[in-house]
């Protein structure tokens, strides 16, 4: 099984810049929702001891992967992939890729006898 290398962001964009970048066709491919270790520390769902993993999103902007920052300049994180999907759809993105290199996938036995991970 071959996999594509993970996107590695080399630049950052703020979430309020996404509509303008999209309108100017500077976002070059589908966004990638990436499973990651929590960086933002706060109360509630952002408690890294209770919920150490989160979702973030990368955009290909002008040919470079960009990490998304909040208005406060911190990495934008979502506790739920469903919530991230709603945010992306509200911005007009109907498709996105999902990348999870942290959590192991369940083993699935297919009818042809292949084991998928």
PDB file of N, CA and C in Angstrom:
ATOM      1  N   UNK A   1       0.851  -1.173   0.000  1.00  0.00           N
ATOM      2  CA  UNK A   1       0.000   0.000   0.000  1.00  0.00           C
ATOM      3  C   UNK A   1       0.900   1.242   0.000  1.00  0.00           C
ATOM      4  N   UNK A   2       0.681   2.136  -0.933  1.00  0.00           N
ATOM      5  CA  UNK A   2       1.453   3.373  -0.979  1.00  0.00           C
ATOM      6  C   UNK A   2       0.603   4.507  -0.434  1.00  0.00           C
ATOM      7  N   UNK A   3       1.248   5.400   0.243  1.00  0.00           N
ATOM      8  CA  UNK A   3       0.542   6.570   0.759  1.00  0.00           C
ATOM      9  C   UNK A   3       1.274   7.818   0.309  1.00  0.00           C
ATOM     10  N   UNK A   4       0.533   8.876   0.239  1.00  0.00           N
ATOM     11  CA  UNK A   4       1.154  10.152  -0.102  1.00  0.00           C
ATOM     12  C   UNK A   4       1.792  10.725   1.156  1.00  0.00           C
ATOM     13  N   UNK A   5       2.857  11.464   0.996  1.00  0.00           N
ATOM     14  CA  UNK A   5       3.481  12.059   2.181  1.00  0.00           C
ATOM     15  C   UNK A   5       2.528  13.056   2.831  1.00  0.00           C
ATOM     16  N   UNK A   6       2.625  13.203   4.141  1.00  0.00           N
ATOM     17  CA  UNK A   6       1.716  14.130   4.819  1.00  0.00           C
ATOM     18  C   UNK A   6       1.991  15.571   4.413  1.00  0.00           C
ATOM     19  N   UNK A   7       0.943  16.388   4.369  1.00  0.00           N
ATOM     20  CA  UNK A   7       1.172  17.806   4.084  1.00  0.00           C
ATOM     21  C   UNK A   7       1.916  18.445   5.254  1.00  0.00           C
ATOM     22  N   UNK A   8       2.922  19.218   4.947  1.00  0.00           N
ATOM     23  CA  UNK A   8       3.686  19.917   5.977  1.00  0.00           C
ATOM     24  C   UNK A   8       3.572  21.411   5.697  1.00  0.00           C
ATOM     25  N   UNK A   9       2.903  22.139   6.583  1.00  0.00           N
ATOM     26  CA  UNK A   9       2.708  23.565   6.315  1.00  0.00           C
ATOM     27  C   UNK A   9       4.017  24.348   6.411  1.00  0.00           C
ATOM     28  N   UNK A  10       4.195  25.243   5.456  1.00  0.00           N
ATOM     29  CA  UNK A  10       5.369  26.121   5.446  1.00  0.00           C
ATOM     30  C   UNK A  10       4.982  27.580   5.662  1.00  0.00           C
ATOM     31  N   UNK A  11       3.676  27.864   5.586  1.00  0.00           N
ATOM     32  CA  UNK A  11       3.179  29.213   5.833  1.00  0.00           C
ATOM     33  C   UNK A  11       1.936  29.116   6.718  1.00  0.00           C
ATOM     34  N   UNK A  12       1.461  30.241   7.185  1.00  0.00           N
ATOM     35  CA  UNK A  12       0.242  30.300   7.997  1.00  0.00           C
ATOM     36  C   UNK A  12      -0.718  31.315   7.402  1.00  0.00           C
ATOM     37  N   UNK A  13      -2.010  31.041   7.540  1.00  0.00           N
ATOM     38  CA  UNK A  13      -3.046  32.003   7.162  1.00  0.00           C
ATOM     39  C   UNK A  13      -4.038  32.088   8.310  1.00  0.00           C
ATOM     40  N   UNK A  14      -4.642  33.244   8.460  1.00  0.00           N
ATOM     41  CA  UNK A  14      -5.660  33.421   9.498  1.00  0.00           C
ATOM     42  C   UNK A  14      -7.013  33.040   8.932  1.00  0.00           C
ATOM     43  N   UNK A  15      -7.892  32.587   9.813  1.00  0.00           N
ATOM     44  CA  UNK A  15      -9.184  32.087   9.346  1.00  0.00           C
ATOM     45  C   UNK A  15      -9.994  33.156   8.623  1.00  0.00           C
ATOM     46  N   UNK A  16      -9.823  34.427   8.974  1.00  0.00           N
ATOM     47  CA  UNK A  16     -10.576  35.483   8.292  1.00  0.00           C
ATOM     48  C   UNK A  16     -10.049  35.758   6.879  1.00  0.00           C
ATOM     49  N   UNK A  17      -8.892  35.211   6.521  1.00  0.00           N
ATOM     50  CA  UNK A  17      -8.334  35.381   5.175  1.00  0.00           C
ATOM     51  C   UNK A  17      -8.860  34.351   4.176  1.00  0.00           C
ATOM     52  N   UNK A  18      -9.455  33.259   4.677  1.00  0.00           N
ATOM     53  CA  UNK A  18      -9.867  32.162   3.798  1.00  0.00           C
ATOM     54  C   UNK A  18     -10.866  32.595   2.725  1.00  0.00           C
ATOM     55  N   UNK A  19     -11.935  33.345   3.053  1.00  0.00           N
ATOM     56  CA  UNK A  19     -12.867  33.744   1.981  1.00  0.00           C
ATOM     57  C   UNK A  19     -12.190  34.526   0.847  1.00  0.00           C
ATOM     58  N   UNK A  20     -11.304  35.455   1.182  1.00  0.00           N
ATOM     59  CA  UNK A  20     -10.615  36.232   0.146  1.00  0.00           C
ATOM     60  C   UNK A  20      -9.671  35.386  -0.686  1.00  0.00           C
ATOM     61  N   UNK A  21      -8.947  34.486  -0.032  1.00  0.00           N
ATOM     62  CA  UNK A  21      -8.038  33.594  -0.760  1.00  0.00           C
ATOM     63  C   UNK A  21      -8.819  32.675  -1.694  1.00  0.00           C
ATOM     64  N   UNK A  22      -9.955  32.206  -1.210  1.00  0.00           N
ATOM     65  CA  UNK A  22     -10.795  31.334  -2.032  1.00  0.00           C
ATOM     66  C   UNK A  22     -11.374  32.099  -3.222  1.00  0.00           C
ATOM     67  N   UNK A  23     -11.874  33.305  -2.979  1.00  0.00           N
ATOM     68  CA  UNK A  23     -12.459  34.124  -4.048  1.00  0.00           C
ATOM     69  C   UNK A  23     -11.432  34.493  -5.113  1.00  0.00           C
ATOM     70  N   UNK A  24     -10.174  34.641  -4.692  1.00  0.00           N
ATOM     71  CA  UNK A  24      -9.099  34.985  -5.629  1.00  0.00           C
ATOM     72  C   UNK A  24      -8.468  33.745  -6.265  1.00  0.00           C
ATOM     73  N   UNK A  25      -9.038  32.564  -6.009  1.00  0.00           N
ATOM     74  CA  UNK A  25      -8.539  31.288  -6.541  1.00  0.00           C
ATOM     75  C   UNK A  25      -7.105  31.013  -6.133  1.00  0.00           C
ATOM     76  N   UNK A  26      -6.734  31.449  -4.935  1.00  0.00           N
ATOM     77  CA  UNK A  26      -5.371  31.214  -4.446  1.00  0.00           C
ATOM     78  C   UNK A  26      -5.276  29.932  -3.629  1.00  0.00           C
ATOM     79  N   UNK A  27      -6.421  29.341  -3.291  1.00  0.00           N
ATOM     80  CA  UNK A  27      -6.427  28.023  -2.651  1.00  0.00           C
ATOM     81  C   UNK A  27      -6.469  27.009  -3.780  1.00  0.00           C
ATOM     82  N   UNK A  28      -5.401  26.211  -3.897  1.00  0.00           N
ATOM     83  CA  UNK A  28      -5.158  25.420  -5.096  1.00  0.00           C
ATOM     84  C   UNK A  28      -5.707  24.004  -5.098  1.00  0.00           C
ATOM     85  N   UNK A  29      -6.167  23.491  -3.988  1.00  0.00           N
ATOM     86  CA  UNK A  29      -6.694  22.124  -3.940  1.00  0.00           C
ATOM     87  C   UNK A  29      -7.635  22.002  -2.753  1.00  0.00           C
ATOM     88  N   UNK A  30      -8.174  20.830  -2.559  1.00  0.00           N
ATOM     89  CA  UNK A  30      -9.075  20.624  -1.427  1.00  0.00           C
ATOM     90  C   UNK A  30      -8.335  20.824  -0.109  1.00  0.00           C
ATOM     91  N   UNK A  31      -9.009  21.358   0.901  1.00  0.00           N
ATOM     92  CA  UNK A  31      -8.399  21.426   2.225  1.00  0.00           C
ATOM     93  C   UNK A  31      -8.150  20.015   2.765  1.00  0.00           C
ATOM     94  N   UNK A  32      -7.224  19.903   3.707  1.00  0.00           N
ATOM     95  CA  UNK A  32      -6.924  18.617   4.338  1.00  0.00           C
ATOM     96  C   UNK A  32      -7.165  18.748   5.840  1.00  0.00           C
ATOM     97  N   UNK A  33      -8.126  17.965   6.348  1.00  0.00           N
ATOM     98  CA  UNK A  33      -8.368  17.885   7.792  1.00  0.00           C
ATOM     99  C   UNK A  33      -7.338  16.913   8.355  1.00  0.00           C
ATOM    100  N   UNK A  34      -6.568  17.370   9.330  1.00  0.00           N
ATOM    101  CA  UNK A  34      -5.445  16.593   9.845  1.00  0.00           C
ATOM    102  C   UNK A  34      -5.642  16.328  11.336  1.00  0.00           C
ATOM    103  N   UNK A  35      -5.489  15.074  11.739  1.00  0.00           N
ATOM    104  CA  UNK A  35      -5.539  14.716  13.157  1.00  0.00           C
ATOM    105  C   UNK A  35      -4.218  15.131  13.783  1.00  0.00           C
ATOM    106  N   UNK A  36      -4.276  15.781  14.919  1.00  0.00           N
ATOM    107  CA  UNK A  36      -3.047  16.297  15.518  1.00  0.00           C
ATOM    108  C   UNK A  36      -3.151  16.336  17.032  1.00  0.00           C
ATOM    109  N   UNK A  37      -2.014  16.497  17.673  1.00  0.00           N
ATOM    110  CA  UNK A  37      -1.972  16.672  19.118  1.00  0.00           C
ATOM    111  C   UNK A  37      -2.392  18.096  19.434  1.00  0.00           C
ATOM    112  N   UNK A  38      -3.173  18.259  20.477  1.00  0.00           N
ATOM    113  CA  UNK A  38      -3.690  19.561  20.868  1.00  0.00           C
ATOM    114  C   UNK A  38      -2.536  20.509  21.214  1.00  0.00           C
ATOM    115  N   UNK A  39      -2.625  21.728  20.722  1.00  0.00           N
ATOM    116  CA  UNK A  39      -1.652  22.773  21.054  1.00  0.00           C
ATOM    117  C   UNK A  39      -2.277  23.858  21.928  1.00  0.00           C
ATOM    118  N   UNK A  40      -3.554  24.148  21.693  1.00  0.00           N
ATOM    119  CA  UNK A  40      -4.232  25.203  22.428  1.00  0.00           C
ATOM    120  C   UNK A  40      -4.692  24.667  23.774  1.00  0.00           C
ATOM    121  N   UNK A  41      -4.337  25.368  24.836  1.00  0.00           N
ATOM    122  CA  UNK A  41      -4.755  24.948  26.172  1.00  0.00           C
ATOM    123  C   UNK A  41      -5.748  25.956  26.728  1.00  0.00           C
ATOM    124  N   UNK A  42      -6.890  25.433  27.144  1.00  0.00           N
ATOM    125  CA  UNK A  42      -7.934  26.244  27.766  1.00  0.00           C
ATOM    126  C   UNK A  42      -8.804  25.280  28.554  1.00  0.00           C
ATOM    127  N   UNK A  43      -9.925  25.731  29.065  1.00  0.00           N
ATOM    128  CA  UNK A  43     -10.807  24.859  29.821  1.00  0.00           C
ATOM    129  C   UNK A  43     -11.732  24.062  28.920  1.00  0.00           C
ATOM    130  N   UNK A  44     -12.574  23.252  29.524  1.00  0.00           N
ATOM    131  CA  UNK A  44     -13.584  22.496  28.785  1.00  0.00           C
ATOM    132  C   UNK A  44     -12.985  21.488  27.838  1.00  0.00           C
ATOM    133  N   UNK A  45     -13.444  21.507  26.579  1.00  0.00           N
ATOM    134  CA  UNK A  45     -13.002  20.537  25.592  1.00  0.00           C
ATOM    135  C   UNK A  45     -11.547  20.714  25.208  1.00  0.00           C
ATOM    136  N   UNK A  46     -10.956  21.837  25.512  1.00  0.00           N
ATOM    137  CA  UNK A  46      -9.556  22.070  25.157  1.00  0.00           C
ATOM    138  C   UNK A  46      -8.600  21.539  26.222  1.00  0.00           C
ATOM    139  N   UNK A  47      -9.094  20.775  27.182  1.00  0.00           N
ATOM    140  CA  UNK A  47      -8.244  20.189  28.218  1.00  0.00           C
ATOM    141  C   UNK A  47      -7.377  19.099  27.587  1.00  0.00           C
ATOM    142  N   UNK A  48      -6.062  19.322  27.476  1.00  0.00           N
ATOM    143  CA  UNK A  48      -5.209  18.352  26.788  1.00  0.00           C
ATOM    144  C   UNK A  48      -5.085  17.020  27.522  1.00  0.00           C
ATOM    145  N   UNK A  49      -5.358  16.988  28.827  1.00  0.00           N
ATOM    146  CA  UNK A  49      -5.299  15.722  29.555  1.00  0.00           C
ATOM    147  C   UNK A  49      -6.499  14.832  29.237  1.00  0.00           C
ATOM    148  N   UNK A  50      -7.671  15.435  29.106  1.00  0.00           N
ATOM    149  CA  UNK A  50      -8.882  14.667  28.795  1.00  0.00           C
ATOM    150  C   UNK A  50      -9.031  14.401  27.299  1.00  0.00           C
ATOM    151  N   UNK A  51      -8.670  15.380  26.502  1.00  0.00           N
ATOM    152  CA  UNK A  51      -8.844  15.300  25.050  1.00  0.00           C
ATOM    153  C   UNK A  51      -7.536  15.711  24.370  1.00  0.00           C
ATOM    154  N   UNK A  52      -6.549  14.807  24.302  1.00  0.00           N
ATOM    155  CA  UNK A  52      -5.236  15.186  23.776  1.00  0.00           C
ATOM    156  C   UNK A  52      -5.173  15.349  22.252  1.00  0.00           C
ATOM    157  N   UNK A  53      -6.147  14.788  21.545  1.00  0.00           N
ATOM    158  CA  UNK A  53      -6.134  14.873  20.084  1.00  0.00           C
ATOM    159  C   UNK A  53      -7.200  15.836  19.599  1.00  0.00           C
ATOM    160  N   UNK A  54      -6.927  16.438  18.482  1.00  0.00           N
ATOM    161  CA  UNK A  54      -7.833  17.418  17.907  1.00  0.00           C
ATOM    162  C   UNK A  54      -7.727  17.343  16.391  1.00  0.00           C
ATOM    163  N   UNK A  55      -8.518  18.113  15.703  1.00  0.00           N
ATOM    164  CA  UNK A  55      -8.451  18.245  14.244  1.00  0.00           C
ATOM    165  C   UNK A  55      -8.040  19.669  13.904  1.00  0.00           C
ATOM    166  N   UNK A  56      -7.209  19.796  12.907  1.00  0.00           N
ATOM    167  CA  UNK A  56      -6.886  21.101  12.351  1.00  0.00           C
ATOM    168  C   UNK A  56      -7.022  20.974  10.836  1.00  0.00           C
ATOM    169  N   UNK A  57      -6.834  22.061  10.119  1.00  0.00           N
ATOM    170  CA  UNK A  57      -7.000  22.004   8.672  1.00  0.00           C
ATOM    171  C   UNK A  57      -5.866  22.765   7.996  1.00  0.00           C
ATOM    172  N   UNK A  58      -5.390  22.199   6.895  1.00  0.00           N
ATOM    173  CA  UNK A  58      -4.361  22.838   6.076  1.00  0.00           C
ATOM    174  C   UNK A  58      -4.960  23.176   4.723  1.00  0.00           C
ATOM    175  N   UNK A  59      -4.534  24.303   4.183  1.00  0.00           N
ATOM    176  CA  UNK A  59      -4.952  24.745   2.857  1.00  0.00           C
ATOM    177  C   UNK A  59      -3.721  24.892   1.982  1.00  0.00           C
ATOM    178  N   UNK A  60      -3.839  24.517   0.710  1.00  0.00           N
ATOM    179  CA  UNK A  60      -2.773  24.747  -0.261  1.00  0.00           C
ATOM    180  C   UNK A  60      -2.995  26.153  -0.826  1.00  0.00           C
ATOM    181  N   UNK A  61      -2.149  27.089  -0.427  1.00  0.00           N
ATOM    182  CA  UNK A  61      -2.270  28.487  -0.843  1.00  0.00           C
ATOM    183  C   UNK A  61      -1.045  28.843  -1.678  1.00  0.00           C
ATOM    184  N   UNK A  62      -1.283  29.246  -2.907  1.00  0.00           N
ATOM    185  CA  UNK A  62      -0.198  29.631  -3.819  1.00  0.00           C
ATOM    186  C   UNK A  62       0.884  28.553  -3.895  1.00  0.00           C
ATOM    187  N   UNK A  63       0.470  27.285  -3.868  1.00  0.00           N
ATOM    188  CA  UNK A  63       1.409  26.175  -4.020  1.00  0.00           C
ATOM    189  C   UNK A  63       2.127  25.756  -2.750  1.00  0.00           C
ATOM    190  N   UNK A  64       1.754  26.328  -1.604  1.00  0.00           N
ATOM    191  CA  UNK A  64       2.378  25.966  -0.328  1.00  0.00           C
ATOM    192  C   UNK A  64       1.293  25.561   0.658  1.00  0.00           C
ATOM    193  N   UNK A  65       1.595  24.547   1.485  1.00  0.00           N
ATOM    194  CA  UNK A  65       0.650  24.172   2.526  1.00  0.00           C
ATOM    195  C   UNK A  65       0.658  25.232   3.613  1.00  0.00           C
ATOM    196  N   UNK A  66      -0.543  25.651   4.008  1.00  0.00           N
ATOM    197  CA  UNK A  66      -0.703  26.694   5.019  1.00  0.00           C
ATOM    198  C   UNK A  66      -1.445  26.142   6.226  1.00  0.00           C
ATOM    199  N   UNK A  67      -0.898  26.410   7.388  1.00  0.00           N
ATOM    200  CA  UNK A  67      -1.569  26.087   8.649  1.00  0.00           C
ATOM    201  C   UNK A  67      -2.576  27.184   8.942  1.00  0.00           C
ATOM    202  N   UNK A  68      -3.728  26.817   9.470  1.00  0.00           N
ATOM    203  CA  UNK A  68      -4.772  27.785   9.770  1.00  0.00           C
ATOM    204  C   UNK A  68      -4.620  28.305  11.188  1.00  0.00           C
ATOM    205  N   UNK A  69      -4.620  29.615  11.325  1.00  0.00           N
ATOM    206  CA  UNK A  69      -4.546  30.266  12.627  1.00  0.00           C
ATOM    207  C   UNK A  69      -5.870  30.940  12.939  1.00  0.00           C
ATOM    208  N   UNK A  70      -6.180  31.015  14.219  1.00  0.00           N
ATOM    209  CA  UNK A  70      -7.381  31.726  14.656  1.00  0.00           C
ATOM    210  C   UNK A  70      -7.125  33.231  14.581  1.00  0.00           C
ATOM    211  N   UNK A  71      -8.141  33.999  14.884  1.00  0.00           N
ATOM    212  CA  UNK A  71      -7.997  35.456  14.900  1.00  0.00           C
ATOM    213  C   UNK A  71      -6.970  35.903  15.939  1.00  0.00           C
ATOM    214  N   UNK A  72      -6.766  35.102  16.979  1.00  0.00           N
ATOM    215  CA  UNK A  72      -5.792  35.421  18.026  1.00  0.00           C
ATOM    216  C   UNK A  72      -4.379  34.961  17.696  1.00  0.00           C
ATOM    217  N   UNK A  73      -4.213  34.319  16.559  1.00  0.00           N
ATOM    218  CA  UNK A  73      -2.877  33.884  16.144  1.00  0.00           C
ATOM    219  C   UNK A  73      -2.471  32.508  16.630  1.00  0.00           C
ATOM    220  N   UNK A  74      -3.410  31.747  17.207  1.00  0.00           N
ATOM    221  CA  UNK A  74      -3.139  30.378  17.639  1.00  0.00           C
ATOM    222  C   UNK A  74      -3.626  29.405  16.575  1.00  0.00           C
ATOM    223  N   UNK A  75      -3.067  28.199  16.569  1.00  0.00           N
ATOM    224  CA  UNK A  75      -3.535  27.214  15.600  1.00  0.00           C
ATOM    225  C   UNK A  75      -5.012  26.939  15.848  1.00  0.00           C
ATOM    226  N   UNK A  76      -5.809  26.950  14.792  1.00  0.00           N
ATOM    227  CA  UNK A  76      -7.248  26.692  14.900  1.00  0.00           C
ATOM    228  C   UNK A  76      -7.446  25.197  15.041  1.00  0.00           C
ATOM    229  N   UNK A  77      -8.199  24.785  16.068  1.00  0.00           N
ATOM    230  CA  UNK A  77      -8.422  23.374  16.351  1.00  0.00           C
ATOM    231  C   UNK A  77      -9.904  23.103  16.553  1.00  0.00           C
ATOM    232  N   UNK A  78     -10.319  21.898  16.176  1.00  0.00           N
ATOM    233  CA  UNK A  78     -11.680  21.433  16.390  1.00  0.00           C
ATOM    234  C   UNK A  78     -11.621  20.120  17.148  1.00  0.00           C
ATOM    235  N   UNK A  79     -12.522  19.951  18.097  1.00  0.00           N
ATOM    236  CA  UNK A  79     -12.583  18.698  18.844  1.00  0.00           C
ATOM    237  C   UNK A  79     -13.329  17.624  18.060  1.00  0.00           C
ATOM    238  N   UNK A  80     -14.079  18.022  17.068  1.00  0.00           N
ATOM    239  CA  UNK A  80     -14.923  17.101  16.308  1.00  0.00           C
ATOM    240  C   UNK A  80     -14.742  17.326  14.810  1.00  0.00           C
ATOM    241  N   UNK A  81     -14.596  16.237  14.088  1.00  0.00           N
ATOM    242  CA  UNK A  81     -14.502  16.327  12.630  1.00  0.00           C
ATOM    243  C   UNK A  81     -15.819  16.839  12.051  1.00  0.00           C
ATOM    244  N   UNK A  82     -16.929  16.506  12.681  1.00  0.00           N
ATOM    245  CA  UNK A  82     -18.226  17.007  12.223  1.00  0.00           C
ATOM    246  C   UNK A  82     -18.286  18.533  12.281  1.00  0.00           C
ATOM    247  N   UNK A  83     -17.758  19.108  13.353  1.00  0.00           N
ATOM    248  CA  UNK A  83     -17.768  20.566  13.494  1.00  0.00           C
ATOM    249  C   UNK A  83     -16.839  21.215  12.470  1.00  0.00           C
ATOM    250  N   UNK A  84     -15.696  20.578  12.209  1.00  0.00           N
ATOM    251  CA  UNK A  84     -14.784  21.103  11.187  1.00  0.00           C
ATOM    252  C   UNK A  84     -15.449  21.059   9.819  1.00  0.00           C
ATOM    253  N   UNK A  85     -16.162  19.972   9.534  1.00  0.00           N
ATOM    254  CA  UNK A  85     -16.862  19.872   8.250  1.00  0.00           C
ATOM    255  C   UNK A  85     -17.885  20.997   8.097  1.00  0.00           C
ATOM    256  N   UNK A  86     -18.649  21.272   9.130  1.00  0.00           N
ATOM    257  CA  UNK A  86     -19.646  22.354   9.066  1.00  0.00           C
ATOM    258  C   UNK A  86     -18.978  23.693   8.809  1.00  0.00           C
ATOM    259  N   UNK A  87     -17.824  23.923   9.442  1.00  0.00           N
ATOM    260  CA  UNK A  87     -17.097  25.175   9.244  1.00  0.00           C
ATOM    261  C   UNK A  87     -16.629  25.292   7.792  1.00  0.00           C
ATOM    262  N   UNK A  88     -16.060  24.208   7.253  1.00  0.00           N
ATOM    263  CA  UNK A  88     -15.597  24.226   5.864  1.00  0.00           C
ATOM    264  C   UNK A  88     -16.759  24.430   4.895  1.00  0.00           C
ATOM    265  N   UNK A  89     -17.870  23.752   5.131  1.00  0.00           N
ATOM    266  CA  UNK A  89     -19.028  23.894   4.249  1.00  0.00           C
ATOM    267  C   UNK A  89     -19.593  25.319   4.298  1.00  0.00           C
ATOM    268  N   UNK A  90     -19.557  25.945   5.460  1.00  0.00           N
ATOM    269  CA  UNK A  90     -20.029  27.330   5.580  1.00  0.00           C
ATOM    270  C   UNK A  90     -19.169  28.279   4.754  1.00  0.00           C
ATOM    271  N   UNK A  91     -17.910  27.899   4.532  1.00  0.00           N
ATOM    272  CA  UNK A  91     -17.010  28.709   3.702  1.00  0.00           C
ATOM    273  C   UNK A  91     -17.102  28.353   2.216  1.00  0.00           C
ATOM    274  N   UNK A  92     -17.948  27.384   1.867  1.00  0.00           N
ATOM    275  CA  UNK A  92     -18.145  27.023   0.470  1.00  0.00           C
ATOM    276  C   UNK A  92     -17.369  25.802   0.015  1.00  0.00           C
ATOM    277  N   UNK A  93     -16.626  25.165   0.900  1.00  0.00           N
ATOM    278  CA  UNK A  93     -15.890  23.959   0.528  1.00  0.00           C
ATOM    279  C   UNK A  93     -16.815  22.756   0.650  1.00  0.00           C
ATOM    280  N   UNK A  94     -17.012  22.050  -0.432  1.00  0.00           N
ATOM    281  CA  UNK A  94     -17.892  20.881  -0.424  1.00  0.00           C
ATOM    282  C   UNK A  94     -17.097  19.580  -0.323  1.00  0.00           C
ATOM    283  N   UNK A  95     -15.814  19.649  -0.536  1.00  0.00           N
ATOM    284  CA  UNK A  95     -14.952  18.476  -0.495  1.00  0.00           C
ATOM    285  C   UNK A  95     -13.728  18.797   0.339  1.00  0.00           C
ATOM    286  N   UNK A  96     -13.225  17.793   1.041  1.00  0.00           N
ATOM    287  CA  UNK A  96     -11.954  17.935   1.732  1.00  0.00           C
ATOM    288  C   UNK A  96     -11.386  16.554   1.978  1.00  0.00           C
ATOM    289  N   UNK A  97     -10.094  16.486   2.137  1.00  0.00           N
ATOM    290  CA  UNK A  97      -9.397  15.239   2.425  1.00  0.00           C
ATOM    291  C   UNK A  97      -9.266  15.092   3.935  1.00  0.00           C
ATOM    292  N   UNK A  98      -9.119  13.852   4.391  1.00  0.00           N
ATOM    293  CA  UNK A  98      -8.903  13.580   5.810  1.00  0.00           C
ATOM    294  C   UNK A  98      -7.600  12.822   5.954  1.00  0.00           C
ATOM    295  N   UNK A  99      -6.767  13.275   6.881  1.00  0.00           N
ATOM    296  CA  UNK A  99      -5.468  12.639   7.123  1.00  0.00           C
ATOM    297  C   UNK A  99      -5.350  12.361   8.617  1.00  0.00           C
ATOM    298  N   UNK A 100      -5.212  11.095   8.985  1.00  0.00           N
ATOM    299  CA  UNK A 100      -5.062  10.721  10.385  1.00  0.00           C
ATOM    300  C   UNK A 100      -3.892   9.752  10.495  1.00  0.00           C
ATOM    301  N   UNK A 101      -2.732  10.280  10.800  1.00  0.00           N
ATOM    302  CA  UNK A 101      -1.532   9.458  10.954  1.00  0.00           C
ATOM    303  C   UNK A 101      -1.246   9.124  12.412  1.00  0.00           C
ATOM    304  N   UNK A 102      -2.147   9.516  13.326  1.00  0.00           N
ATOM    305  CA  UNK A 102      -1.910   9.328  14.755  1.00  0.00           C
ATOM    306  C   UNK A 102      -2.631   8.088  15.281  1.00  0.00           C
ATOM    307  N   UNK A 103      -3.921   8.003  15.013  1.00  0.00           N
ATOM    308  CA  UNK A 103      -4.723   6.911  15.563  1.00  0.00           C
ATOM    309  C   UNK A 103      -4.728   5.724  14.601  1.00  0.00           C
ATOM    310  N   UNK A 104      -4.524   4.518  15.123  1.00  0.00           N
ATOM    311  CA  UNK A 104      -4.559   3.343  14.240  1.00  0.00           C
ATOM    312  C   UNK A 104      -5.975   3.087  13.746  1.00  0.00           C
ATOM    313  N   UNK A 105      -6.076   2.636  12.521  1.00  0.00           N
ATOM    314  CA  UNK A 105      -7.377   2.295  11.952  1.00  0.00           C
ATOM    315  C   UNK A 105      -7.755   0.881  12.388  1.00  0.00           C
ATOM    316  N   UNK A 106      -9.030   0.613  12.415  1.00  0.00           N
ATOM    317  CA  UNK A 106      -9.484  -0.742  12.707  1.00  0.00           C
ATOM    318  C   UNK A 106      -9.144  -1.651  11.537  1.00  0.00           C
ATOM    319  N   UNK A 107      -8.870  -2.904  11.841  1.00  0.00           N
ATOM    320  CA  UNK A 107      -8.587  -3.883  10.798  1.00  0.00           C
ATOM    321  C   UNK A 107      -9.919  -4.391  10.268  1.00  0.00           C
ATOM    322  N   UNK A 108     -10.054  -4.376   8.956  1.00  0.00           N
ATOM    323  CA  UNK A 108     -11.293  -4.796   8.311  1.00  0.00           C
ATOM    324  C   UNK A 108     -10.962  -5.929   7.346  1.00  0.00           C
ATOM    325  N   UNK A 109     -11.649  -7.028   7.483  1.00  0.00           N
ATOM    326  CA  UNK A 109     -11.480  -8.156   6.571  1.00  0.00           C
ATOM    327  C   UNK A 109     -12.495  -7.990   5.453  1.00  0.00           C
ATOM    328  N   UNK A 110     -12.021  -7.942   4.214  1.00  0.00           N
ATOM    329  CA  UNK A 110     -12.916  -7.764   3.078  1.00  0.00           C
ATOM    330  C   UNK A 110     -13.325  -9.126   2.514  1.00  0.00           C
ATOM    331  N   UNK A 111     -14.289  -9.118   1.615  1.00  0.00           N
ATOM    332  CA  UNK A 111     -14.787 -10.356   1.008  1.00  0.00           C
ATOM    333  C   UNK A 111     -13.686 -11.064   0.221  1.00  0.00           C
ATOM    334  N   UNK A 112     -12.769 -10.296  -0.346  1.00  0.00           N
ATOM    335  CA  UNK A 112     -11.686 -10.911  -1.125  1.00  0.00           C
ATOM    336  C   UNK A 112     -10.539 -11.387  -0.257  1.00  0.00           C
ATOM    337  N   UNK A 113     -10.666 -11.198   1.056  1.00  0.00           N
ATOM    338  CA  UNK A 113      -9.625 -11.662   1.975  1.00  0.00           C
ATOM    339  C   UNK A 113      -8.560 -10.627   2.267  1.00  0.00           C
ATOM    340  N   UNK A 114      -8.693  -9.421   1.714  1.00  0.00           N
ATOM    341  CA  UNK A 114      -7.716  -8.369   1.975  1.00  0.00           C
ATOM    342  C   UNK A 114      -7.953  -7.771   3.350  1.00  0.00           C
ATOM    343  N   UNK A 115      -6.907  -7.407   4.000  1.00  0.00           N
ATOM    344  CA  UNK A 115      -7.016  -6.722   5.278  1.00  0.00           C
ATOM    345  C   UNK A 115      -6.676  -5.264   5.072  1.00  0.00           C
ATOM    346  N   UNK A 116      -7.586  -4.400   5.428  1.00  0.00           N
ATOM    347  CA  UNK A 116      -7.379  -2.966   5.249  1.00  0.00           C
ATOM    348  C   UNK A 116      -7.128  -2.309   6.593  1.00  0.00           C
ATOM    349  N   UNK A 117      -6.275  -1.334   6.596  1.00  0.00           N
ATOM    350  CA  UNK A 117      -6.042  -0.558   7.808  1.00  0.00           C
ATOM    351  C   UNK A 117      -6.276   0.894   7.516  1.00  0.00           C
TER     352      UNK A 117
END
